[in-house]
């Protein structure tokens, strides 16, 4: 008897949700950068455990929204949790403990606030959720156990796993538990499919990842990538054109770099990874456009499955 179902991975920004999803799937399905709020829409990755297919829903981080895009991202994260057969709440254990220390960094304090908000949301929903304490590397067991108990005592969780999504510690145990929670039924995707993401959107996400990897300190969240052309050529290669949107002329200069060298690096790294992922030569052409209203355009939201009217 086969089993198949959905497992949503939720948490504050930068908790490691995308890293865990990629680890469970065994392939890259979500982009990962050091920048918080990298994931903007739910990404489905397909993991196999024996006769069980687990469709992992990597959701955007849950935080206090300020802009339309923020609100749409947070709504989609909660929606992913509501529709799932199992929910994993990932918590950055290091940030959570650091937030309680004197002189804590503002980022750690924000993360702890977001975690508290998520806990209250889970309790209000009445869901039984798996707590996954992430980034446990090098942490003292006594502190981890105390943190696990404090969160578990909130009443929001049915069980706790301690993991390191980056190096895989504890992830196999979590995967096995998720497999047990999936309902009986036929598989939802072919056995060799690892993600439910259109190639055009995958290509845009890979390029956005390279932008943040290269200029994450200089560029705020005001960047988006749209695949404007995706054509298969007679020789089997792909010709891809993409538009990079930024909000100000100064940001355009950052993405271009001196004599276009930054954009050239971004294009090269994106092209190399796309050629590997798509298993064919890729010809990638990037353009940069200033549009201070890109985040308020309805078509952008529809393309990635976000609710413009939230």
Protein backbone atom coordinates (compact mmCIF):
# COMPACT_ATOMS: atom_id res chain seq x y z
CA UNK A 1 0.00 0.00 0.00
CA UNK A 2 1.48 3.32 -1.03
CA UNK A 3 1.09 6.56 0.89
CA UNK A 4 1.30 10.18 -0.22
CA UNK A 5 0.57 13.55 1.30
CA UNK A 6 1.73 17.07 2.01
CA UNK A 7 4.09 18.28 4.74
CA UNK A 8 4.38 22.05 5.19
CA UNK A 9 7.60 23.53 6.54
CA UNK A 10 6.95 26.84 8.28
CA UNK A 11 9.02 29.17 10.43
CA UNK A 12 10.51 32.61 10.85
CA UNK A 13 12.71 34.00 8.06
CA UNK A 14 16.13 32.34 7.83
CA UNK A 15 15.23 29.41 10.08
CA UNK A 16 16.56 26.98 7.47
CA UNK A 17 13.32 25.85 5.83
CA UNK A 18 14.68 25.78 2.28
CA UNK A 19 17.85 24.00 3.37
CA UNK A 20 15.75 21.33 5.10
CA UNK A 21 13.48 20.93 2.07
CA UNK A 22 16.46 20.43 -0.23
CA UNK A 23 17.99 17.97 2.22
CA UNK A 24 14.81 15.89 2.52
CA UNK A 25 14.26 15.84 -1.25
CA UNK A 26 17.90 15.07 -1.98
CA UNK A 27 18.02 17.72 -4.71
CA UNK A 28 17.89 21.48 -4.97
CA UNK A 29 14.30 22.63 -5.27
CA UNK A 30 14.46 25.88 -3.25
CA UNK A 31 17.02 28.63 -3.53
CA UNK A 32 19.10 29.35 -0.42
CA UNK A 33 20.94 32.56 0.45
CA UNK A 34 22.11 34.30 3.62
CA UNK A 35 19.40 36.90 3.07
CA UNK A 36 16.23 36.60 5.12
CA UNK A 37 12.93 36.35 3.24
CA UNK A 38 14.62 34.74 0.25
CA UNK A 39 11.66 32.38 -0.27
CA UNK A 40 8.73 34.42 -1.59
CA UNK A 41 6.20 31.75 -2.50
CA UNK A 42 5.50 28.11 -1.58
CA UNK A 43 7.79 25.67 -3.39
CA UNK A 44 6.88 21.99 -3.56
CA UNK A 45 9.62 19.40 -3.35
CA UNK A 46 8.98 15.66 -3.65
CA UNK A 47 10.70 13.31 -1.18
CA UNK A 48 10.52 9.51 -1.20
CA UNK A 49 10.75 7.28 1.86
CA UNK A 50 10.17 3.65 0.92
CA UNK A 51 6.61 3.37 -0.41
CA UNK A 52 5.74 6.86 0.80
CA UNK A 53 5.81 10.09 -1.20
CA UNK A 54 6.11 13.24 0.90
CA UNK A 55 5.32 16.48 -0.92
CA UNK A 56 7.19 19.10 1.07
CA UNK A 57 5.85 22.64 0.91
CA UNK A 58 8.67 25.09 1.59
CA UNK A 59 6.86 28.26 2.65
CA UNK A 60 7.93 31.91 2.97
CA UNK A 61 9.05 33.04 6.39
CA UNK A 62 6.37 34.25 8.79
CA UNK A 63 7.07 37.72 10.19
CA UNK A 64 5.32 41.02 10.87
CA UNK A 65 4.31 42.18 7.36
CA UNK A 66 4.55 45.81 6.25
CA UNK A 67 4.15 45.78 2.46
CA UNK A 68 1.65 44.12 0.13
CA UNK A 69 4.27 41.55 -0.85
CA UNK A 70 4.99 40.81 2.82
CA UNK A 71 1.30 40.22 3.54
CA UNK A 72 0.93 37.93 0.54
CA UNK A 73 3.98 35.91 1.56
CA UNK A 74 2.80 35.44 5.15
CA UNK A 75 -0.73 34.52 4.03
CA UNK A 76 0.65 31.87 1.67
CA UNK A 77 2.76 30.38 4.48
CA UNK A 78 -0.22 29.98 6.79
CA UNK A 79 -2.28 28.65 3.88
CA UNK A 80 0.33 26.00 3.18
CA UNK A 81 0.18 24.88 6.81
CA UNK A 82 -3.63 24.76 6.86
CA UNK A 83 -3.78 22.50 3.80
CA UNK A 84 -1.06 20.03 4.86
CA UNK A 85 -1.28 16.53 6.33
CA UNK A 86 1.67 17.34 8.60
CA UNK A 87 3.31 20.59 9.66
CA UNK A 88 6.93 21.14 10.70
CA UNK A 89 7.70 24.35 12.55
CA UNK A 90 11.42 25.06 12.19
CA UNK A 91 13.06 27.17 14.87
CA UNK A 92 16.60 28.52 14.71
CA UNK A 93 17.79 27.27 18.10
CA UNK A 94 20.89 29.45 18.10
CA UNK A 95 18.92 32.64 17.42
CA UNK A 96 16.25 31.70 19.96
CA UNK A 97 18.79 31.24 22.75
CA UNK A 98 20.85 34.26 21.72
CA UNK A 99 17.75 36.47 21.90
CA UNK A 100 17.52 35.84 25.64
CA UNK A 101 21.07 37.03 26.30
CA UNK A 102 21.94 40.60 27.35
CA UNK A 103 22.88 42.74 24.37
CA UNK A 104 21.22 40.37 21.92
CA UNK A 105 21.40 41.27 18.23
CA UNK A 106 18.30 42.88 16.76
CA UNK A 107 18.03 40.05 14.20
CA UNK A 108 17.89 37.46 16.98
CA UNK A 109 15.28 39.46 18.88
CA UNK A 110 13.16 39.75 15.72
CA UNK A 111 13.45 36.02 15.15
CA UNK A 112 12.32 35.26 18.71
CA UNK A 113 9.35 37.62 18.28
CA UNK A 114 8.40 35.89 15.03
CA UNK A 115 8.64 32.48 16.72
CA UNK A 116 6.34 33.63 19.53
CA UNK A 117 3.82 34.90 16.96
CA UNK A 118 3.92 31.58 15.10
CA UNK A 119 3.41 29.63 18.34
CA UNK A 120 0.31 31.67 19.14
CA UNK A 121 -0.98 31.17 15.60
CA UNK A 122 -0.51 27.41 15.83
CA UNK A 123 -2.29 27.27 19.18
CA UNK A 124 -5.20 29.30 17.82
CA UNK A 125 -5.48 26.95 14.85
CA UNK A 126 -5.52 23.93 17.14
CA UNK A 127 -3.04 22.09 14.95
CA UNK A 128 -0.66 19.45 16.25
CA UNK A 129 2.72 20.31 14.85
CA UNK A 130 6.23 18.86 14.84
CA UNK A 131 8.79 21.23 16.33
CA UNK A 132 12.18 21.01 14.58
CA UNK A 133 14.93 22.78 16.47
CA UNK A 134 17.48 23.61 13.79
CA UNK A 135 21.12 24.75 13.82
CA UNK A 136 21.99 22.68 16.88
CA UNK A 137 25.65 22.38 15.82
CA UNK A 138 28.01 22.91 18.75
CA UNK A 139 25.26 23.75 21.23
CA UNK A 140 25.22 22.35 24.74
CA UNK A 141 22.64 19.62 25.23
CA UNK A 142 21.36 21.11 28.48
CA UNK A 143 20.47 24.42 26.80
CA UNK A 144 18.82 22.65 23.88
CA UNK A 145 16.72 20.48 26.17
CA UNK A 146 15.62 23.51 28.18
CA UNK A 147 14.63 25.34 24.99
CA UNK A 148 12.79 22.29 23.66
CA UNK A 149 10.85 21.94 26.92
CA UNK A 150 9.93 25.63 27.04
CA UNK A 151 8.54 25.53 23.51
CA UNK A 152 6.85 22.14 23.90
CA UNK A 153 5.12 23.33 27.07
CA UNK A 154 3.35 25.99 24.97
CA UNK A 155 0.97 23.25 23.87
CA UNK A 156 1.47 23.89 20.16
CA UNK A 157 3.50 20.75 19.41
CA UNK A 158 2.99 17.01 19.38
CA UNK A 159 6.70 16.12 19.29
CA UNK A 160 10.18 17.61 18.99
CA UNK A 161 13.14 16.82 16.73
CA UNK A 162 16.61 18.32 17.02
CA UNK A 163 18.26 18.67 13.64
CA UNK A 164 20.90 20.36 11.57
CA UNK A 165 19.49 20.92 8.11
CA UNK A 166 22.92 22.01 6.88
CA UNK A 167 24.79 18.79 7.70
CA UNK A 168 21.86 16.39 7.92
CA UNK A 169 21.99 15.49 11.62
CA UNK A 170 18.60 14.19 12.73
CA UNK A 171 17.00 14.78 9.33
CA UNK A 172 16.54 11.09 8.49
CA UNK A 173 14.58 10.56 11.72
CA UNK A 174 12.35 13.52 10.86
CA UNK A 175 11.81 12.19 7.34
CA UNK A 176 10.82 8.78 8.68
CA UNK A 177 8.30 10.38 11.04
CA UNK A 178 6.78 12.47 8.25
CA UNK A 179 6.42 9.31 6.16
CA UNK A 180 4.45 7.71 9.00
CA UNK A 181 2.06 10.66 9.05
CA UNK A 182 1.19 10.58 5.36
CA UNK A 183 -2.22 9.13 4.42
CA UNK A 184 -2.67 6.01 2.30
CA UNK A 185 -3.15 6.62 -1.38
CA UNK A 186 -1.44 6.72 -4.79
CA UNK A 187 1.62 8.86 -5.35
CA UNK A 188 0.88 12.40 -6.48
CA UNK A 189 3.92 12.82 -8.76
CA UNK A 190 6.04 10.55 -10.96
CA UNK A 191 8.80 8.74 -9.07
CA UNK A 192 11.58 10.70 -10.79
CA UNK A 193 10.10 14.17 -10.22
CA UNK A 194 11.74 16.20 -7.46
CA UNK A 195 9.85 19.49 -7.69
CA UNK A 196 6.60 21.04 -8.86
CA UNK A 197 8.01 24.23 -10.33
CA UNK A 198 7.72 25.43 -13.94
CA UNK A 199 11.08 25.68 -15.70
CA UNK A 200 10.58 29.40 -16.42
CA UNK A 201 10.03 30.10 -12.73
CA UNK A 202 12.92 27.87 -11.68
CA UNK A 203 15.20 29.80 -14.02
CA UNK A 204 14.09 33.12 -12.51
CA UNK A 205 14.63 31.83 -8.98
CA UNK A 206 18.14 30.58 -9.74
CA UNK A 207 19.12 33.99 -11.10
CA UNK A 208 17.58 35.76 -8.09
CA UNK A 209 19.63 33.50 -5.84
CA UNK A 210 22.85 34.48 -7.62
CA UNK A 211 21.96 38.18 -7.29
CA UNK A 212 21.58 37.87 -3.53
CA UNK A 213 24.69 35.73 -3.17
CA UNK A 214 26.74 38.40 -4.92
CA UNK A 215 25.25 41.69 -3.64
CA UNK A 216 23.19 40.75 -0.58
CA UNK A 217 24.80 43.42 1.59
CA UNK A 218 24.26 46.29 -0.87
CA UNK A 219 20.89 45.30 -2.29
CA UNK A 220 17.73 45.25 -0.14
CA UNK A 221 14.73 43.05 -0.87
CA UNK A 222 13.79 45.32 -3.76
CA UNK A 223 14.74 42.96 -6.56
CA UNK A 224 12.77 40.51 -8.67
CA UNK A 225 13.54 38.40 -11.73
CA UNK A 226 11.11 37.59 -14.55
CA UNK A 227 11.80 35.09 -17.33
CA UNK A 228 10.59 36.93 -20.43
CA UNK A 229 11.65 34.32 -23.02
CA UNK A 230 12.25 30.58 -22.74
CA UNK A 231 12.88 28.94 -26.10
CA UNK A 232 14.21 25.54 -27.08
CA UNK A 233 16.58 25.80 -30.03
CA UNK A 234 17.04 23.30 -32.86
CA UNK A 235 20.33 22.05 -31.38
CA UNK A 236 18.59 21.15 -28.08
CA UNK A 237 19.91 24.12 -26.15
CA UNK A 238 17.76 26.71 -24.38
CA UNK A 239 17.68 30.44 -24.99
CA UNK A 240 16.50 32.28 -21.87
CA UNK A 241 15.96 36.00 -21.48
CA UNK A 242 15.33 37.53 -18.07
CA UNK A 243 14.52 40.95 -16.70
CA UNK A 244 15.91 41.92 -13.31
CA UNK A 245 13.71 44.54 -11.63
CA UNK A 246 15.05 46.97 -9.04
CA UNK A 247 13.38 50.00 -7.47
CA UNK A 248 16.02 52.70 -7.87
CA UNK A 249 18.74 53.70 -10.30
CA UNK A 250 21.38 53.23 -7.61
CA UNK A 251 20.31 49.61 -7.22
CA UNK A 252 20.63 49.11 -10.97
CA UNK A 253 24.21 50.31 -10.76
CA UNK A 254 24.89 47.80 -7.97
CA UNK A 255 23.52 44.88 -10.00
CA UNK A 256 25.44 45.95 -13.10
CA UNK A 257 28.72 46.55 -11.27
CA UNK A 258 31.81 48.22 -12.70
CA UNK A 259 31.73 47.84 -16.47
CA UNK A 260 28.95 45.26 -16.09
CA UNK A 261 31.18 42.77 -14.26
CA UNK A 262 28.69 41.99 -11.46
CA UNK A 263 25.87 41.21 -13.88
CA UNK A 264 28.29 39.12 -15.95
CA UNK A 265 29.18 37.05 -12.85
CA UNK A 266 25.49 36.61 -11.96
CA UNK A 267 24.69 35.49 -15.50
CA UNK A 268 27.59 33.06 -15.63
CA UNK A 269 26.77 31.38 -12.31
CA UNK A 270 23.07 31.18 -13.13
CA UNK A 271 23.73 29.79 -16.60
CA UNK A 272 26.09 27.11 -15.21
CA UNK A 273 23.58 25.92 -12.63
CA UNK A 274 20.64 25.99 -15.04
CA UNK A 275 22.59 23.94 -17.58
CA UNK A 276 23.24 21.33 -14.89
CA UNK A 277 19.66 21.31 -13.56
CA UNK A 278 18.03 21.23 -17.00
CA UNK A 279 20.68 18.92 -18.47
CA UNK A 280 21.27 20.93 -21.63
CA UNK A 281 23.29 23.97 -22.78
CA UNK A 282 21.75 27.29 -21.76
CA UNK A 283 22.17 30.69 -23.41
CA UNK A 284 21.15 33.27 -20.80
CA UNK A 285 20.62 36.97 -21.44
CA UNK A 286 20.03 39.32 -18.51
CA UNK A 287 18.67 42.87 -18.53
CA UNK A 288 18.16 45.24 -15.61
CA UNK A 289 15.22 47.62 -15.36
CA UNK A 290 14.28 50.24 -12.77
CA UNK A 291 10.62 49.94 -11.73
CA UNK A 292 9.70 51.24 -8.28
CA UNK A 293 6.23 49.67 -8.60
CA UNK A 294 7.12 46.09 -9.53
CA UNK A 295 6.00 44.78 -6.11
CA UNK A 296 2.53 46.31 -6.63
CA UNK A 297 1.77 44.70 -9.99
CA UNK A 298 -0.96 42.06 -9.97
CA UNK A 299 0.69 39.92 -12.66
CA UNK A 300 3.78 39.34 -10.51
CA UNK A 301 1.64 37.78 -7.77
CA UNK A 302 -0.31 35.55 -10.10
CA UNK A 303 2.84 34.18 -11.71
CA UNK A 304 4.10 32.84 -8.35
CA UNK A 305 0.77 31.88 -6.83
CA UNK A 306 0.46 34.70 -4.29
CA UNK A 307 -2.76 36.53 -3.42
CA UNK A 308 -2.54 40.12 -4.65
CA UNK A 309 -5.67 41.20 -2.74
CA UNK A 310 -4.66 39.99 0.72
